[in-house]
């Protein structure tokens, strides 16, 4: 299995492009480059029926976010608040991510 180049990182705000949650925004909780998937906060919720165990002594139906394919989400620029592709710029000898629409550098520290 080859690594898939993800255009989003953990902590980025993204918008869902397709599927049952199309148009919803959320933060990336987990990025899985080996699988090419991301987990987005509040999006792609699924129900899991679980037996009682140490973590959940009651058991029952748990609702949680499931991974979704990374191609179904697009980064939202913090400066212009629009969904955008990622450009790469060199600033002070270091390659950084930038917004394709407004050209603003996307902050690396979350």
Protein backbone atom coordinates (compact mmCIF):
# COMPACT_ATOMS: atom_id res chain seq x y z
CA UNK A 1 0.00 0.00 0.00
CA UNK A 2 1.51 3.30 -1.09
CA UNK A 3 1.23 6.57 0.79
CA UNK A 4 -1.37 9.00 -0.56
CA UNK A 5 -0.43 12.69 -0.64
CA UNK A 6 -2.92 14.44 1.63
CA UNK A 7 -3.57 18.15 1.11
CA UNK A 8 -4.94 18.51 4.64
CA UNK A 9 -3.33 18.03 8.03
CA UNK A 10 -4.57 17.42 11.55
CA UNK A 11 -6.19 20.59 12.87
CA UNK A 12 -7.14 22.03 9.44
CA UNK A 13 -10.71 23.24 8.85
CA UNK A 14 -12.22 21.46 5.86
CA UNK A 15 -15.50 21.40 3.93
CA UNK A 16 -17.06 18.13 2.69
CA UNK A 17 -17.46 18.04 -1.12
CA UNK A 18 -19.65 14.96 -1.58
CA UNK A 19 -21.71 12.36 0.24
CA UNK A 20 -24.40 12.53 2.91
CA UNK A 21 -22.65 15.39 4.76
CA UNK A 22 -21.97 17.57 1.67
CA UNK A 23 -21.37 21.21 2.60
CA UNK A 24 -20.60 20.61 6.29
CA UNK A 25 -17.44 22.05 7.81
CA UNK A 26 -15.30 20.61 10.57
CA UNK A 27 -11.76 20.19 11.90
CA UNK A 28 -9.57 17.26 10.89
CA UNK A 29 -9.19 15.08 14.00
CA UNK A 30 -7.01 12.39 12.43
CA UNK A 31 -5.15 12.12 9.11
CA UNK A 32 -4.25 8.65 7.82
CA UNK A 33 -1.89 9.00 4.83
CA UNK A 34 -1.30 5.23 4.53
CA UNK A 35 -5.02 4.68 3.94
CA UNK A 36 -5.70 8.05 2.25
CA UNK A 37 -8.42 8.88 4.77
CA UNK A 38 -9.26 11.59 7.29
CA UNK A 39 -11.59 11.79 10.31
CA UNK A 40 -13.50 15.08 10.47
CA UNK A 41 -15.13 16.36 13.66
CA UNK A 42 -18.96 16.12 13.51
CA UNK A 43 -19.04 14.60 10.01
CA UNK A 44 -19.70 11.04 8.73
CA UNK A 45 -21.25 9.84 11.99
CA UNK A 46 -21.96 6.12 12.30
CA UNK A 47 -23.61 3.97 14.97
CA UNK A 48 -21.69 1.08 16.50
CA UNK A 49 -23.43 -1.60 18.56
CA UNK A 50 -21.05 -2.59 21.35
CA UNK A 51 -21.11 -5.26 24.03
CA UNK A 52 -20.36 -4.22 27.61
CA UNK A 53 -16.60 -4.05 28.27
CA UNK A 54 -14.09 -2.23 30.51
CA UNK A 55 -14.34 1.05 28.57
CA UNK A 56 -18.13 1.00 28.19
CA UNK A 57 -19.59 -1.07 31.05
CA UNK A 58 -23.14 -0.24 29.91
CA UNK A 59 -22.59 -1.24 26.26
CA UNK A 60 -25.28 -0.18 23.79
CA UNK A 61 -25.20 1.96 20.66
CA UNK A 62 -22.29 4.41 20.34
CA UNK A 63 -22.28 7.24 17.78
CA UNK A 64 -18.83 8.21 16.46
CA UNK A 65 -17.09 9.72 13.45
CA UNK A 66 -15.86 7.29 10.82
CA UNK A 67 -12.91 7.87 8.46
CA UNK A 68 -13.74 9.25 5.02
CA UNK A 69 -11.65 9.43 1.87
CA UNK A 70 -9.39 12.49 1.74
CA UNK A 71 -10.51 13.39 -1.80
CA UNK A 72 -13.99 14.16 -0.44
CA UNK A 73 -12.76 17.12 1.63
CA UNK A 74 -11.20 20.46 0.69
CA UNK A 75 -9.22 22.86 2.85
CA UNK A 76 -10.92 26.09 3.97
CA UNK A 77 -8.56 29.10 3.90
CA UNK A 78 -8.49 30.83 7.31
CA UNK A 79 -7.91 34.23 5.66
CA UNK A 80 -10.62 34.31 2.96
CA UNK A 81 -12.90 31.58 4.44
CA UNK A 82 -13.30 29.85 1.06
CA UNK A 83 -12.67 26.25 0.04
CA UNK A 84 -9.37 26.19 -1.82
CA UNK A 85 -6.66 24.00 -3.23
CA UNK A 86 -3.22 24.15 -1.64
CA UNK A 87 -0.30 25.95 -3.26
CA UNK A 88 3.30 25.66 -2.05
CA UNK A 89 5.43 28.79 -1.61
CA UNK A 90 8.95 29.39 -0.39
CA UNK A 91 9.07 31.86 2.52
CA UNK A 92 12.40 32.57 4.24
CA UNK A 93 13.95 29.49 2.62
CA UNK A 94 11.16 27.21 3.86
CA UNK A 95 8.33 25.66 1.84
CA UNK A 96 4.90 26.55 3.28
CA UNK A 97 1.29 25.94 2.27
CA UNK A 98 -0.64 28.83 0.73
CA UNK A 99 -4.18 29.54 -0.49
CA UNK A 100 -4.63 29.34 -4.28
CA UNK A 101 -7.39 31.99 -4.20
CA UNK A 102 -5.96 34.78 -2.03
CA UNK A 103 -2.27 33.73 -1.87
CA UNK A 104 -2.22 33.99 1.94
CA UNK A 105 0.13 31.61 3.81
CA UNK A 106 -1.77 28.93 5.74
CA UNK A 107 -0.54 28.87 9.34
CA UNK A 108 1.42 25.72 10.17
CA UNK A 109 1.03 26.00 13.96
CA UNK A 110 -2.42 25.01 15.17
